[in-house]
Amino acid sequence: MPWCTCHVHGYWLTRYIEETRPGLLKDVLSQRTQRKELEGKIATADGKELGVFWEEMDRELVAHFKHGGKAA
């Protein structure tokens, strides 16, 4: 994935998490953690298994913002 695409993906993911789980990023980023541990905390908070987190999250991002940032 080109760097700019990755940054854009990160923007929408961050925005989604803040809209659907306010304060989650502040909580998980307030402590120094490894990437997998961070992903695991976010996946758990969203009720997903880490192994399918990214695949499911991409679908959720599209659905969420397709409906103007509201639950589908």
PDB file of N, CA and C in Angstrom:
ATOM      1  N   MET A   1       0.849  -1.169   0.000  1.00  0.00           N
ATOM      2  CA  MET A   1       0.000   0.000   0.000  1.00  0.00           C
ATOM      3  C   MET A   1       0.900   1.239   0.000  1.00  0.00           C
ATOM      4  N   PRO A   2       0.704   2.160  -0.923  1.00  0.00           N
ATOM      5  CA  PRO A   2       1.514   3.382  -0.934  1.00  0.00           C
ATOM      6  C   PRO A   2       1.339   4.169   0.357  1.00  0.00           C
ATOM      7  N   TRP A   3       2.359   4.929   0.733  1.00  0.00           N
ATOM      8  CA  TRP A   3       2.315   5.640   2.013  1.00  0.00           C
ATOM      9  C   TRP A   3       1.110   6.560   2.120  1.00  0.00           C
ATOM     10  N   CYS A   4       0.741   7.249   1.062  1.00  0.00           N
ATOM     11  CA  CYS A   4      -0.378   8.190   1.177  1.00  0.00           C
ATOM     12  C   CYS A   4      -1.695   7.450   1.401  1.00  0.00           C
ATOM     13  N   THR A   5      -1.875   6.311   0.784  1.00  0.00           N
ATOM     14  CA  THR A   5      -3.085   5.520   0.991  1.00  0.00           C
ATOM     15  C   THR A   5      -3.166   5.057   2.434  1.00  0.00           C
ATOM     16  N   CYS A   6      -2.030   4.659   2.970  1.00  0.00           N
ATOM     17  CA  CYS A   6      -1.977   4.197   4.356  1.00  0.00           C
ATOM     18  C   CYS A   6      -2.339   5.332   5.316  1.00  0.00           C
ATOM     19  N   HIS A   7      -1.850   6.539   5.034  1.00  0.00           N
ATOM     20  CA  HIS A   7      -2.171   7.685   5.883  1.00  0.00           C
ATOM     21  C   HIS A   7      -3.657   8.036   5.805  1.00  0.00           C
ATOM     22  N   VAL A   8      -4.211   7.949   4.628  1.00  0.00           N
ATOM     23  CA  VAL A   8      -5.637   8.234   4.465  1.00  0.00           C
ATOM     24  C   VAL A   8      -6.459   7.195   5.225  1.00  0.00           C
ATOM     25  N   HIS A   9      -6.074   5.954   5.118  1.00  0.00           N
ATOM     26  CA  HIS A   9      -6.747   4.872   5.844  1.00  0.00           C
ATOM     27  C   HIS A   9      -6.670   5.140   7.345  1.00  0.00           C
ATOM     28  N   GLY A  10      -5.513   5.549   7.823  1.00  0.00           N
ATOM     29  CA  GLY A  10      -5.331   5.859   9.238  1.00  0.00           C
ATOM     30  C   GLY A  10      -6.219   7.000   9.701  1.00  0.00           C
ATOM     31  N   TYR A  11      -6.375   8.008   8.845  1.00  0.00           N
ATOM     32  CA  TYR A  11      -7.245   9.140   9.179  1.00  0.00           C
ATOM     33  C   TYR A  11      -8.679   8.665   9.396  1.00  0.00           C
ATOM     34  N   TRP A  12      -9.207   7.902   8.431  1.00  0.00           N
ATOM     35  CA  TRP A  12     -10.599   7.452   8.523  1.00  0.00           C
ATOM     36  C   TRP A  12     -10.790   6.480   9.674  1.00  0.00           C
ATOM     37  N   LEU A  13      -9.792   5.628   9.938  1.00  0.00           N
ATOM     38  CA  LEU A  13      -9.873   4.703  11.064  1.00  0.00           C
ATOM     39  C   LEU A  13      -9.902   5.474  12.379  1.00  0.00           C
ATOM     40  N   THR A  14      -9.027   6.463  12.517  1.00  0.00           N
ATOM     41  CA  THR A  14      -8.992   7.274  13.737  1.00  0.00           C
ATOM     42  C   THR A  14     -10.307   8.012  13.935  1.00  0.00           C
ATOM     43  N   ARG A  15     -10.801   8.591  12.880  1.00  0.00           N
ATOM     44  CA  ARG A  15     -12.074   9.324  12.958  1.00  0.00           C
ATOM     45  C   ARG A  15     -13.214   8.388  13.354  1.00  0.00           C
ATOM     46  N   TYR A  16     -13.253   7.206  12.750  1.00  0.00           N
ATOM     47  CA  TYR A  16     -14.290   6.217  13.069  1.00  0.00           C
ATOM     48  C   TYR A  16     -14.231   5.812  14.542  1.00  0.00           C
ATOM     49  N   ILE A  17     -13.030   5.502  15.017  1.00  0.00           N
ATOM     50  CA  ILE A  17     -12.893   5.064  16.416  1.00  0.00           C
ATOM     51  C   ILE A  17     -13.338   6.177  17.361  1.00  0.00           C
ATOM     52  N   GLU A  18     -12.949   7.405  17.082  1.00  0.00           N
ATOM     53  CA  GLU A  18     -13.350   8.512  17.952  1.00  0.00           C
ATOM     54  C   GLU A  18     -14.858   8.757  17.911  1.00  0.00           C
ATOM     55  N   GLU A  19     -15.486   8.545  16.759  1.00  0.00           N
ATOM     56  CA  GLU A  19     -16.934   8.745  16.661  1.00  0.00           C
ATOM     57  C   GLU A  19     -17.708   7.623  17.334  1.00  0.00           C
ATOM     58  N   THR A  20     -17.202   6.398  17.251  1.00  0.00           N
ATOM     59  CA  THR A  20     -17.951   5.254  17.769  1.00  0.00           C
ATOM     60  C   THR A  20     -17.525   4.830  19.173  1.00  0.00           C
ATOM     61  N   ARG A  21     -16.308   5.146  19.565  1.00  0.00           N
ATOM     62  CA  ARG A  21     -15.778   4.792  20.886  1.00  0.00           C
ATOM     63  C   ARG A  21     -14.991   5.979  21.444  1.00  0.00           C
ATOM     64  N   PRO A  22     -15.699   7.078  21.791  1.00  0.00           N
ATOM     65  CA  PRO A  22     -15.005   8.275  22.263  1.00  0.00           C
ATOM     66  C   PRO A  22     -14.073   7.976  23.437  1.00  0.00           C
ATOM     67  N   GLY A  23     -12.866   8.497  23.338  1.00  0.00           N
ATOM     68  CA  GLY A  23     -11.889   8.328  24.413  1.00  0.00           C
ATOM     69  C   GLY A  23     -11.055   7.061  24.338  1.00  0.00           C
ATOM     70  N   LEU A  24     -11.430   6.114  23.486  1.00  0.00           N
ATOM     71  CA  LEU A  24     -10.697   4.851  23.408  1.00  0.00           C
ATOM     72  C   LEU A  24      -9.243   5.076  23.009  1.00  0.00           C
ATOM     73  N   LEU A  25      -9.021   5.859  21.979  1.00  0.00           N
ATOM     74  CA  LEU A  25      -7.646   6.078  21.525  1.00  0.00           C
ATOM     75  C   LEU A  25      -6.814   6.775  22.591  1.00  0.00           C
ATOM     76  N   LYS A  26      -7.397   7.733  23.274  1.00  0.00           N
ATOM     77  CA  LYS A  26      -6.673   8.420  24.348  1.00  0.00           C
ATOM     78  C   LYS A  26      -6.266   7.420  25.427  1.00  0.00           C
ATOM     79  N   ASP A  27      -7.173   6.524  25.771  1.00  0.00           N
ATOM     80  CA  ASP A  27      -6.877   5.520  26.794  1.00  0.00           C
ATOM     81  C   ASP A  27      -5.773   4.566  26.356  1.00  0.00           C
ATOM     82  N   VAL A  28      -5.896   4.009  25.144  1.00  0.00           N
ATOM     83  CA  VAL A  28      -4.910   2.997  24.732  1.00  0.00           C
ATOM     84  C   VAL A  28      -3.577   3.622  24.357  1.00  0.00           C
ATOM     85  N   LEU A  29      -3.579   4.882  23.941  1.00  0.00           N
ATOM     86  CA  LEU A  29      -2.324   5.524  23.572  1.00  0.00           C
ATOM     87  C   LEU A  29      -1.638   6.206  24.751  1.00  0.00           C
ATOM     88  N   SER A  30      -2.295   6.247  25.899  1.00  0.00           N
ATOM     89  CA  SER A  30      -1.692   6.887  27.072  1.00  0.00           C
ATOM     90  C   SER A  30      -0.587   6.034  27.677  1.00  0.00           C
ATOM     91  N   GLN A  31      -0.528   4.778  27.284  1.00  0.00           N
ATOM     92  CA  GLN A  31       0.519   3.871  27.756  1.00  0.00           C
ATOM     93  C   GLN A  31       1.315   3.362  26.566  1.00  0.00           C
ATOM     94  N   ARG A  32       2.578   3.192  26.757  1.00  0.00           N
ATOM     95  CA  ARG A  32       3.430   2.680  25.691  1.00  0.00           C
ATOM     96  C   ARG A  32       3.147   1.188  25.512  1.00  0.00           C
ATOM     97  N   THR A  33       2.755   0.793  24.304  1.00  0.00           N
ATOM     98  CA  THR A  33       2.440  -0.601  24.024  1.00  0.00           C
ATOM     99  C   THR A  33       2.988  -0.994  22.658  1.00  0.00           C
ATOM    100  N   GLN A  34       3.154  -2.274  22.473  1.00  0.00           N
ATOM    101  CA  GLN A  34       3.568  -2.809  21.183  1.00  0.00           C
ATOM    102  C   GLN A  34       2.381  -2.751  20.224  1.00  0.00           C
ATOM    103  N   ARG A  35       2.681  -2.768  18.936  1.00  0.00           N
ATOM    104  CA  ARG A  35       1.636  -2.640  17.916  1.00  0.00           C
ATOM    105  C   ARG A  35       0.545  -3.704  18.057  1.00  0.00           C
ATOM    106  N   LYS A  36       0.931  -4.960  18.204  1.00  0.00           N
ATOM    107  CA  LYS A  36      -0.066  -6.036  18.308  1.00  0.00           C
ATOM    108  C   LYS A  36      -0.940  -5.867  19.544  1.00  0.00           C
ATOM    109  N   GLU A  37      -0.339  -5.430  20.641  1.00  0.00           N
ATOM    110  CA  GLU A  37      -1.111  -5.212  21.859  1.00  0.00           C
ATOM    111  C   GLU A  37      -2.109  -4.064  21.650  1.00  0.00           C
ATOM    112  N   LEU A  38      -1.670  -3.004  21.004  1.00  0.00           N
ATOM    113  CA  LEU A  38      -2.539  -1.873  20.699  1.00  0.00           C
ATOM    114  C   LEU A  38      -3.692  -2.307  19.800  1.00  0.00           C
ATOM    115  N   GLU A  39      -3.373  -3.044  18.736  1.00  0.00           N
ATOM    116  CA  GLU A  39      -4.410  -3.550  17.833  1.00  0.00           C
ATOM    117  C   GLU A  39      -5.377  -4.457  18.584  1.00  0.00           C
ATOM    118  N   GLY A  40      -4.844  -5.285  19.477  1.00  0.00           N
ATOM    119  CA  GLY A  40      -5.686  -6.184  20.258  1.00  0.00           C
ATOM    120  C   GLY A  40      -6.663  -5.436  21.149  1.00  0.00           C
ATOM    121  N   LYS A  41      -6.198  -4.354  21.769  1.00  0.00           N
ATOM    122  CA  LYS A  41      -7.079  -3.556  22.633  1.00  0.00           C
ATOM    123  C   LYS A  41      -8.194  -2.902  21.819  1.00  0.00           C
ATOM    124  N   ILE A  42      -7.845  -2.391  20.660  1.00  0.00           N
ATOM    125  CA  ILE A  42      -8.857  -1.751  19.817  1.00  0.00           C
ATOM    126  C   ILE A  42      -9.839  -2.786  19.282  1.00  0.00           C
ATOM    127  N   ALA A  43      -9.325  -3.933  18.845  1.00  0.00           N
ATOM    128  CA  ALA A  43     -10.191  -5.004  18.345  1.00  0.00           C
ATOM    129  C   ALA A  43     -11.147  -5.474  19.441  1.00  0.00           C
ATOM    130  N   THR A  44     -10.628  -5.678  20.643  1.00  0.00           N
ATOM    131  CA  THR A  44     -11.458  -6.124  21.765  1.00  0.00           C
ATOM    132  C   THR A  44     -12.537  -5.108  22.086  1.00  0.00           C
ATOM    133  N   ALA A  45     -12.182  -3.825  22.098  1.00  0.00           N
ATOM    134  CA  ALA A  45     -13.156  -2.773  22.390  1.00  0.00           C
ATOM    135  C   ALA A  45     -14.252  -2.730  21.333  1.00  0.00           C
ATOM    136  N   ASP A  46     -13.910  -3.162  20.119  1.00  0.00           N
ATOM    137  CA  ASP A  46     -14.892  -3.175  19.029  1.00  0.00           C
ATOM    138  C   ASP A  46     -15.579  -4.529  18.904  1.00  0.00           C
ATOM    139  N   GLY A  47     -15.247  -5.469  19.802  1.00  0.00           N
ATOM    140  CA  GLY A  47     -15.892  -6.777  19.807  1.00  0.00           C
ATOM    141  C   GLY A  47     -15.443  -7.688  18.681  1.00  0.00           C
ATOM    142  N   LYS A  48     -14.188  -7.527  18.253  1.00  0.00           N
ATOM    143  CA  LYS A  48     -13.675  -8.337  17.137  1.00  0.00           C
ATOM    144  C   LYS A  48     -12.473  -9.165  17.565  1.00  0.00           C
ATOM    145  N   GLU A  49     -12.250 -10.240  16.844  1.00  0.00           N
ATOM    146  CA  GLU A  49     -11.052 -11.049  17.019  1.00  0.00           C
ATOM    147  C   GLU A  49      -9.930 -10.364  16.251  1.00  0.00           C
ATOM    148  N   LEU A  50      -8.733 -10.363  16.806  1.00  0.00           N
ATOM    149  CA  LEU A  50      -7.610  -9.697  16.155  1.00  0.00           C
ATOM    150  C   LEU A  50      -7.335 -10.255  14.766  1.00  0.00           C
ATOM    151  N   GLY A  51      -7.525 -11.543  14.566  1.00  0.00           N
ATOM    152  CA  GLY A  51      -7.243 -12.168  13.278  1.00  0.00           C
ATOM    153  C   GLY A  51      -8.097 -11.665  12.123  1.00  0.00           C
ATOM    154  N   VAL A  52      -9.283 -11.163  12.413  1.00  0.00           N
ATOM    155  CA  VAL A  52     -10.173 -10.661  11.359  1.00  0.00           C
ATOM    156  C   VAL A  52     -10.452  -9.171  11.507  1.00  0.00           C
ATOM    157  N   PHE A  53      -9.792  -8.545  12.457  1.00  0.00           N
ATOM    158  CA  PHE A  53     -10.046  -7.142  12.777  1.00  0.00           C
ATOM    159  C   PHE A  53      -9.947  -6.230  11.560  1.00  0.00           C
ATOM    160  N   TRP A  54      -8.838  -6.284  10.833  1.00  0.00           N
ATOM    161  CA  TRP A  54      -8.634  -5.341   9.730  1.00  0.00           C
ATOM    162  C   TRP A  54      -9.628  -5.564   8.594  1.00  0.00           C
ATOM    163  N   GLU A  55      -9.912  -6.810   8.273  1.00  0.00           N
ATOM    164  CA  GLU A  55     -10.869  -7.099   7.199  1.00  0.00           C
ATOM    165  C   GLU A  55     -12.261  -6.572   7.562  1.00  0.00           C
ATOM    166  N   GLU A  56     -12.683  -6.845   8.785  1.00  0.00           N
ATOM    167  CA  GLU A  56     -14.000  -6.387   9.223  1.00  0.00           C
ATOM    168  C   GLU A  56     -14.030  -4.872   9.401  1.00  0.00           C
ATOM    169  N   MET A  57     -12.936  -4.305   9.880  1.00  0.00           N
ATOM    170  CA  MET A  57     -12.889  -2.865  10.111  1.00  0.00           C
ATOM    171  C   MET A  57     -13.014  -2.090   8.805  1.00  0.00           C
ATOM    172  N   ASP A  58     -12.381  -2.577   7.757  1.00  0.00           N
ATOM    173  CA  ASP A  58     -12.491  -1.901   6.467  1.00  0.00           C
ATOM    174  C   ASP A  58     -13.939  -1.849   6.002  1.00  0.00           C
ATOM    175  N   ARG A  59     -14.670  -2.933   6.170  1.00  0.00           N
ATOM    176  CA  ARG A  59     -16.091  -2.948   5.793  1.00  0.00           C
ATOM    177  C   ARG A  59     -16.897  -1.969   6.661  1.00  0.00           C
ATOM    178  N   GLU A  60     -16.582  -1.939   7.946  1.00  0.00           N
ATOM    179  CA  GLU A  60     -17.294  -1.027   8.850  1.00  0.00           C
ATOM    180  C   GLU A  60     -17.019   0.428   8.508  1.00  0.00           C
ATOM    181  N   LEU A  61     -15.772   0.741   8.172  1.00  0.00           N
ATOM    182  CA  LEU A  61     -15.424   2.117   7.805  1.00  0.00           C
ATOM    183  C   LEU A  61     -16.249   2.581   6.611  1.00  0.00           C
ATOM    184  N   VAL A  62     -16.297   1.753   5.585  1.00  0.00           N
ATOM    185  CA  VAL A  62     -17.057   2.107   4.381  1.00  0.00           C
ATOM    186  C   VAL A  62     -18.532   2.287   4.722  1.00  0.00           C
ATOM    187  N   ALA A  63     -19.099   1.348   5.449  1.00  0.00           N
ATOM    188  CA  ALA A  63     -20.523   1.423   5.793  1.00  0.00           C
ATOM    189  C   ALA A  63     -20.813   2.646   6.657  1.00  0.00           C
ATOM    190  N   HIS A  64     -19.953   2.912   7.619  1.00  0.00           N
ATOM    191  CA  HIS A  64     -20.159   4.031   8.551  1.00  0.00           C
ATOM    192  C   HIS A  64     -20.174   5.372   7.820  1.00  0.00           C
ATOM    193  N   PHE A  65     -19.166   5.613   7.004  1.00  0.00           N
ATOM    194  CA  PHE A  65     -19.067   6.914   6.361  1.00  0.00           C
ATOM    195  C   PHE A  65     -19.936   7.029   5.114  1.00  0.00           C
ATOM    196  N   LYS A  66     -20.363   5.903   4.584  1.00  0.00           N
ATOM    197  CA  LYS A  66     -21.311   5.924   3.461  1.00  0.00           C
ATOM    198  C   LYS A  66     -22.649   6.493   3.939  1.00  0.00           C
ATOM    199  N   HIS A  67     -22.922   6.303   5.220  1.00  0.00           N
ATOM    200  CA  HIS A  67     -24.168   6.798   5.816  1.00  0.00           C
ATOM    201  C   HIS A  67     -23.945   8.089   6.600  1.00  0.00           C
ATOM    202  N   GLY A  68     -22.950   8.852   6.209  1.00  0.00           N
ATOM    203  CA  GLY A  68     -22.725  10.156   6.829  1.00  0.00           C
ATOM    204  C   GLY A  68     -22.220  10.098   8.250  1.00  0.00           C
ATOM    205  N   GLY A  69     -21.515   9.011   8.596  1.00  0.00           N
ATOM    206  CA  GLY A  69     -20.974   8.902   9.941  1.00  0.00           C
ATOM    207  C   GLY A  69     -21.976   8.415  10.970  1.00  0.00           C
ATOM    208  N   LYS A  70     -23.065   7.856  10.490  1.00  0.00           N
ATOM    209  CA  LYS A  70     -24.081   7.314  11.387  1.00  0.00           C
ATOM    210  C   LYS A  70     -24.115   5.803  11.238  1.00  0.00           C
ATOM    211  N   ALA A  71     -24.585   5.133  12.254  1.00  0.00           N
ATOM    212  CA  ALA A  71     -24.694   3.683  12.198  1.00  0.00           C
ATOM    213  C   ALA A  71     -25.576   3.275  11.023  1.00  0.00           C
ATOM    214  N   ALA A  72     -25.179   2.217  10.341  1.00  0.00           N
ATOM    215  CA  ALA A  72     -25.934   1.753   9.173  1.00  0.00           C
ATOM    216  C   ALA A  72     -27.261   1.140   9.588  1.00  0.00           C
TER     217      ALA A  72
END
